């Protein structure tokens, strides 16, 4: 059951639900999720992450992604900055940069202890995705910098909260087919 949930989560995070269908950049749409997919791929293959249990792993990584995405979404719909290609007013911040850097930061926290090259690879890919968004005239440099800051900041906040409040606590997550239930025992 847990592997089905993980597969479903990985599938959903690799699919880009975007309102910008007329300007689809297929490579960037996939690459933005590669760092997070690597986190799940390594865990599924049995590589031990920093999180002790699957529940802790799923709760932390999903929370980081959700907090990053929520922050970026609210700002995109509040700032109304015109894109460089003049296609819409959803330029600030870059969602692609947000997802890529959130995934790279989760990768660093979960697997950075194995090799510094894992962290370098995650952040390099996130930087390339961001640079490509500017090259494609979809964002200004400050848009991708803001997206990177949101992705890193939200993920760091999630891991700080985990260390501060959740570490060494019992967390139970269940899925009954319609909803997720989370219980934290103090």
C-alpha atoms as a PDB file:
ATOM      1  CA  UNK A   1       0.000   0.000   0.000  1.00  0.00           C
ATOM      2  CA  UNK A   2       2.793   2.438   0.940  1.00  0.00           C
ATOM      3  CA  UNK A   3       4.577   1.837  -2.373  1.00  0.00           C
ATOM      4  CA  UNK A   4       1.358   2.648  -4.261  1.00  0.00           C
ATOM      5  CA  UNK A   5       1.040   5.934  -2.394  1.00  0.00           C
ATOM      6  CA  UNK A   6       4.672   6.756  -3.107  1.00  0.00           C
ATOM      7  CA  UNK A   7       4.253   5.929  -6.784  1.00  0.00           C
ATOM      8  CA  UNK A   8       1.122   8.091  -6.969  1.00  0.00           C
ATOM      9  CA  UNK A   9       2.894  10.998  -5.258  1.00  0.00           C
ATOM     10  CA  UNK A  10       5.902  10.698  -7.578  1.00  0.00           C
ATOM     11  CA  UNK A  11       3.611  10.605 -10.593  1.00  0.00           C
ATOM     12  CA  UNK A  12       1.703  13.669  -9.447  1.00  0.00           C
ATOM     13  CA  UNK A  13       4.853  15.659  -8.703  1.00  0.00           C
ATOM     14  CA  UNK A  14       6.313  14.942 -12.128  1.00  0.00           C
ATOM     15  CA  UNK A  15       3.192  16.113 -13.918  1.00  0.00           C
ATOM     16  CA  UNK A  16       3.119  19.858 -14.313  1.00  0.00           C
ATOM     17  CA  UNK A  17      -0.356  21.213 -13.847  1.00  0.00           C
ATOM     18  CA  UNK A  18       0.079  24.565 -15.520  1.00  0.00           C
ATOM     19  CA  UNK A  19      -2.249  27.266 -16.695  1.00  0.00           C
ATOM     20  CA  UNK A  20       0.322  28.159 -19.347  1.00  0.00           C
ATOM     21  CA  UNK A  21      -0.501  25.396 -21.819  1.00  0.00           C
ATOM     22  CA  UNK A  22      -0.056  27.666 -24.841  1.00  0.00           C
ATOM     23  CA  UNK A  23       3.599  28.215 -23.874  1.00  0.00           C
ATOM     24  CA  UNK A  24       4.573  24.715 -22.842  1.00  0.00           C
ATOM     25  CA  UNK A  25       8.305  24.145 -22.492  1.00  0.00           C
ATOM     26  CA  UNK A  26       8.355  20.366 -22.261  1.00  0.00           C
ATOM     27  CA  UNK A  27      11.976  20.007 -21.124  1.00  0.00           C
ATOM     28  CA  UNK A  28      11.670  22.584 -18.333  1.00  0.00           C
ATOM     29  CA  UNK A  29       8.285  21.200 -17.300  1.00  0.00           C
ATOM     30  CA  UNK A  30       9.901  17.827 -16.611  1.00  0.00           C
ATOM     31  CA  UNK A  31      13.324  18.955 -15.362  1.00  0.00           C
ATOM     32  CA  UNK A  32      11.848  21.142 -12.631  1.00  0.00           C
ATOM     33  CA  UNK A  33      10.697  17.965 -10.842  1.00  0.00           C
ATOM     34  CA  UNK A  34      13.814  15.825 -11.394  1.00  0.00           C
ATOM     35  CA  UNK A  35      15.494  16.686  -8.055  1.00  0.00           C
ATOM     36  CA  UNK A  36      12.392  15.633  -6.104  1.00  0.00           C
ATOM     37  CA  UNK A  37      11.940  12.572  -8.299  1.00  0.00           C
ATOM     38  CA  UNK A  38      15.568  11.652  -7.511  1.00  0.00           C
ATOM     39  CA  UNK A  39      14.772  11.873  -3.797  1.00  0.00           C
ATOM     40  CA  UNK A  40      11.909   9.393  -4.172  1.00  0.00           C
ATOM     41  CA  UNK A  41      13.814   7.223  -6.634  1.00  0.00           C
ATOM     42  CA  UNK A  42      16.744   6.838  -4.249  1.00  0.00           C
ATOM     43  CA  UNK A  43      14.426   6.008  -1.362  1.00  0.00           C
ATOM     44  CA  UNK A  44      12.447   3.445  -3.387  1.00  0.00           C
ATOM     45  CA  UNK A  45      15.741   1.826  -4.463  1.00  0.00           C
ATOM     46  CA  UNK A  46      16.620   1.329  -0.806  1.00  0.00           C
ATOM     47  CA  UNK A  47      19.187   4.085  -0.301  1.00  0.00           C
ATOM     48  CA  UNK A  48      18.840   5.198   3.318  1.00  0.00           C
ATOM     49  CA  UNK A  49      17.817   8.824   3.609  1.00  0.00           C
ATOM     50  CA  UNK A  50      18.241  11.086   6.609  1.00  0.00           C
ATOM     51  CA  UNK A  51      14.594  10.469   7.567  1.00  0.00           C
ATOM     52  CA  UNK A  52      14.236   7.311   9.616  1.00  0.00           C
ATOM     53  CA  UNK A  53      10.793   6.160   8.488  1.00  0.00           C
ATOM     54  CA  UNK A  54       8.788   6.343   5.304  1.00  0.00           C
ATOM     55  CA  UNK A  55       6.166   8.355   7.150  1.00  0.00           C
ATOM     56  CA  UNK A  56       8.661  10.977   8.285  1.00  0.00           C
ATOM     57  CA  UNK A  57      10.188  11.025   4.789  1.00  0.00           C
ATOM     58  CA  UNK A  58       6.844  11.520   3.031  1.00  0.00           C
ATOM     59  CA  UNK A  59       5.553  14.084   5.511  1.00  0.00           C
ATOM     60  CA  UNK A  60       8.682  16.219   5.323  1.00  0.00           C
ATOM     61  CA  UNK A  61       9.242  16.120   1.571  1.00  0.00           C
ATOM     62  CA  UNK A  62       5.569  16.640   0.717  1.00  0.00           C
ATOM     63  CA  UNK A  63       5.280  19.501   3.218  1.00  0.00           C
ATOM     64  CA  UNK A  64       8.303  21.231   1.713  1.00  0.00           C
ATOM     65  CA  UNK A  65       6.878  20.945  -1.796  1.00  0.00           C
ATOM     66  CA  UNK A  66       3.394  22.054  -0.762  1.00  0.00           C
ATOM     67  CA  UNK A  67       4.661  25.062   1.227  1.00  0.00           C
ATOM     68  CA  UNK A  68       6.889  26.108  -1.688  1.00  0.00           C
ATOM     69  CA  UNK A  69       4.117  25.706  -4.248  1.00  0.00           C
ATOM     70  CA  UNK A  70       1.560  27.501  -2.101  1.00  0.00           C
ATOM     71  CA  UNK A  71       3.844  30.462  -1.507  1.00  0.00           C
ATOM     72  CA  UNK A  72       4.736  30.745  -5.194  1.00  0.00           C
ATOM     73  CA  UNK A  73       1.080  30.447  -6.246  1.00  0.00           C
ATOM     74  CA  UNK A  74      -0.077  33.188  -3.877  1.00  0.00           C
ATOM     75  CA  UNK A  75       2.696  35.523  -5.037  1.00  0.00           C
ATOM     76  CA  UNK A  76       2.092  34.782  -8.729  1.00  0.00           C
ATOM     77  CA  UNK A  77      -1.540  35.787  -8.350  1.00  0.00           C
ATOM     78  CA  UNK A  78      -0.773  38.797  -6.140  1.00  0.00           C
ATOM     79  CA  UNK A  79       2.151  40.474  -7.909  1.00  0.00           C
ATOM     80  CA  UNK A  80       0.720  40.439 -11.460  1.00  0.00           C
ATOM     81  CA  UNK A  81       4.102  41.058 -13.099  1.00  0.00           C
ATOM     82  CA  UNK A  82       4.074  40.897 -16.891  1.00  0.00           C
ATOM     83  CA  UNK A  83       6.284  38.193 -18.397  1.00  0.00           C
ATOM     84  CA  UNK A  84       9.119  39.259 -20.734  1.00  0.00           C
ATOM     85  CA  UNK A  85       7.292  37.622 -23.661  1.00  0.00           C
ATOM     86  CA  UNK A  86       4.119  39.540 -22.688  1.00  0.00           C
ATOM     87  CA  UNK A  87       2.042  36.322 -22.583  1.00  0.00           C
ATOM     88  CA  UNK A  88       0.492  36.853 -19.141  1.00  0.00           C
ATOM     89  CA  UNK A  89       0.921  38.517 -15.753  1.00  0.00           C
ATOM     90  CA  UNK A  90       2.226  35.530 -13.782  1.00  0.00           C
ATOM     91  CA  UNK A  91       5.962  36.142 -14.029  1.00  0.00           C
ATOM     92  CA  UNK A  92       6.939  36.705 -10.382  1.00  0.00           C
ATOM     93  CA  UNK A  93       8.083  34.303  -8.941  1.00  0.00           C
ATOM     94  CA  UNK A  94       9.173  31.505 -11.256  1.00  0.00           C
ATOM     95  CA  UNK A  95       7.293  28.328 -10.339  1.00  0.00           C
ATOM     96  CA  UNK A  96       9.828  26.222 -12.214  1.00  0.00           C
ATOM     97  CA  UNK A  97      12.668  27.661 -10.119  1.00  0.00           C
ATOM     98  CA  UNK A  98      10.612  27.200  -6.947  1.00  0.00           C
ATOM     99  CA  UNK A  99       9.992  23.497  -7.613  1.00  0.00           C
ATOM    100  CA  UNK A 100      13.538  22.826  -8.813  1.00  0.00           C
ATOM    101  CA  UNK A 101      15.200  24.459  -5.804  1.00  0.00           C
ATOM    102  CA  UNK A 102      12.731  22.940  -3.325  1.00  0.00           C
ATOM    103  CA  UNK A 103      13.544  19.500  -4.739  1.00  0.00           C
ATOM    104  CA  UNK A 104      17.284  20.200  -4.677  1.00  0.00           C
ATOM    105  CA  UNK A 105      17.093  21.297  -1.046  1.00  0.00           C
ATOM    106  CA  UNK A 106      15.143  18.166  -0.054  1.00  0.00           C
ATOM    107  CA  UNK A 107      17.767  16.127  -1.929  1.00  0.00           C
ATOM    108  CA  UNK A 108      20.497  17.877   0.051  1.00  0.00           C
ATOM    109  CA  UNK A 109      18.790  17.244   3.392  1.00  0.00           C
ATOM    110  CA  UNK A 110      17.938  13.609   2.705  1.00  0.00           C
ATOM    111  CA  UNK A 111      21.015  12.420   0.783  1.00  0.00           C
ATOM    112  CA  UNK A 112      23.682  15.122   1.055  1.00  0.00           C
ATOM    113  CA  UNK A 113      25.387  13.133   3.816  1.00  0.00           C
ATOM    114  CA  UNK A 114      26.251  10.386   1.303  1.00  0.00           C
ATOM    115  CA  UNK A 115      28.215  12.591  -1.071  1.00  0.00           C
ATOM    116  CA  UNK A 116      28.559  16.316  -1.677  1.00  0.00           C
ATOM    117  CA  UNK A 117      28.100  15.584  -5.394  1.00  0.00           C
ATOM    118  CA  UNK A 118      24.457  14.702  -4.799  1.00  0.00           C
ATOM    119  CA  UNK A 119      23.887  18.213  -3.484  1.00  0.00           C
ATOM    120  CA  UNK A 120      25.954  19.774  -6.274  1.00  0.00           C
ATOM    121  CA  UNK A 121      23.985  17.842  -8.887  1.00  0.00           C
ATOM    122  CA  UNK A 122      20.611  18.879  -7.482  1.00  0.00           C
ATOM    123  CA  UNK A 123      21.475  22.563  -7.264  1.00  0.00           C
ATOM    124  CA  UNK A 124      23.197  22.540 -10.664  1.00  0.00           C
ATOM    125  CA  UNK A 125      20.080  21.144 -12.319  1.00  0.00           C
ATOM    126  CA  UNK A 126      17.885  23.664 -10.500  1.00  0.00           C
ATOM    127  CA  UNK A 127      20.163  26.494 -11.649  1.00  0.00           C
ATOM    128  CA  UNK A 128      20.062  25.248 -15.261  1.00  0.00           C
ATOM    129  CA  UNK A 129      16.253  25.077 -15.192  1.00  0.00           C
ATOM    130  CA  UNK A 130      16.151  28.644 -13.861  1.00  0.00           C
ATOM    131  CA  UNK A 131      18.636  29.934 -16.429  1.00  0.00           C
ATOM    132  CA  UNK A 132      16.658  28.275 -19.207  1.00  0.00           C
ATOM    133  CA  UNK A 133      13.477  30.034 -18.079  1.00  0.00           C
ATOM    134  CA  UNK A 134      15.275  33.356 -18.520  1.00  0.00           C
ATOM    135  CA  UNK A 135      16.754  32.225 -21.862  1.00  0.00           C
ATOM    136  CA  UNK A 136      13.278  31.278 -23.122  1.00  0.00           C
ATOM    137  CA  UNK A 137      12.075  34.794 -22.266  1.00  0.00           C
ATOM    138  CA  UNK A 138       9.521  33.402 -19.797  1.00  0.00           C
ATOM    139  CA  UNK A 139      11.029  35.130 -16.739  1.00  0.00           C
ATOM    140  CA  UNK A 140      13.290  37.943 -15.692  1.00  0.00           C
ATOM    141  CA  UNK A 141      16.375  37.132 -13.589  1.00  0.00           C
ATOM    142  CA  UNK A 142      14.701  38.472 -10.446  1.00  0.00           C
ATOM    143  CA  UNK A 143      11.733  36.122 -11.041  1.00  0.00           C
ATOM    144  CA  UNK A 144      13.931  33.017 -10.943  1.00  0.00           C
ATOM    145  CA  UNK A 145      15.940  34.382  -7.999  1.00  0.00           C
ATOM    146  CA  UNK A 146      12.689  34.884  -6.083  1.00  0.00           C
ATOM    147  CA  UNK A 147      11.560  31.364  -7.038  1.00  0.00           C
ATOM    148  CA  UNK A 148      14.875  29.914  -5.871  1.00  0.00           C
ATOM    149  CA  UNK A 149      14.622  31.805  -2.579  1.00  0.00           C
ATOM    150  CA  UNK A 150      11.078  30.561  -2.021  1.00  0.00           C
ATOM    151  CA  UNK A 151      11.984  26.946  -2.821  1.00  0.00           C
ATOM    152  CA  UNK A 152      15.044  26.951  -0.576  1.00  0.00           C
ATOM    153  CA  UNK A 153      13.425  29.014   2.185  1.00  0.00           C
ATOM    154  CA  UNK A 154      10.228  26.991   2.410  1.00  0.00           C
ATOM    155  CA  UNK A 155      12.162  23.719   2.441  1.00  0.00           C
ATOM    156  CA  UNK A 156      14.608  24.955   5.075  1.00  0.00           C
ATOM    157  CA  UNK A 157      11.635  26.094   7.187  1.00  0.00           C
ATOM    158  CA  UNK A 158      10.050  22.659   6.834  1.00  0.00           C
ATOM    159  CA  UNK A 159      13.219  20.876   7.950  1.00  0.00           C
ATOM    160  CA  UNK A 160      13.743  23.342  10.799  1.00  0.00           C
ATOM    161  CA  UNK A 161      10.193  22.681  12.016  1.00  0.00           C
ATOM    162  CA  UNK A 162      10.810  18.951  11.710  1.00  0.00           C
ATOM    163  CA  UNK A 163      13.937  19.170  13.869  1.00  0.00           C
ATOM    164  CA  UNK A 164      12.274  21.501  16.355  1.00  0.00           C
ATOM    165  CA  UNK A 165       8.909  19.818  16.822  1.00  0.00           C
ATOM    166  CA  UNK A 166       8.606  16.460  15.086  1.00  0.00           C
ATOM    167  CA  UNK A 167      11.946  14.686  15.534  1.00  0.00           C
ATOM    168  CA  UNK A 168      11.634  11.601  17.776  1.00  0.00           C
ATOM    169  CA  UNK A 169       7.831  11.798  17.794  1.00  0.00           C
ATOM    170  CA  UNK A 170       5.482   9.147  16.477  1.00  0.00           C
ATOM    171  CA  UNK A 171       3.830  10.210  13.244  1.00  0.00           C
ATOM    172  CA  UNK A 172       1.202   8.030  11.647  1.00  0.00           C
ATOM    173  CA  UNK A 173      -0.098   8.677   8.147  1.00  0.00           C
ATOM    174  CA  UNK A 174      -2.941   6.664   6.676  1.00  0.00           C
ATOM    175  CA  UNK A 175      -4.837   6.823   3.406  1.00  0.00           C
ATOM    176  CA  UNK A 176      -8.316   5.351   3.157  1.00  0.00           C
ATOM    177  CA  UNK A 177      -8.837   5.971  -0.549  1.00  0.00           C
ATOM    178  CA  UNK A 178     -10.450   9.372  -0.119  1.00  0.00           C
ATOM    179  CA  UNK A 179      -8.250  11.354   2.253  1.00  0.00           C
ATOM    180  CA  UNK A 180      -4.983  11.359   4.156  1.00  0.00           C
ATOM    181  CA  UNK A 181      -5.079  11.229   7.951  1.00  0.00           C
ATOM    182  CA  UNK A 182      -2.069  12.385   9.935  1.00  0.00           C
ATOM    183  CA  UNK A 183      -1.667  11.769  13.657  1.00  0.00           C
ATOM    184  CA  UNK A 184       1.225  13.099  15.737  1.00  0.00           C
ATOM    185  CA  UNK A 185       1.793  11.622  19.205  1.00  0.00           C
ATOM    186  CA  UNK A 186       3.729  13.751  21.710  1.00  0.00           C
END
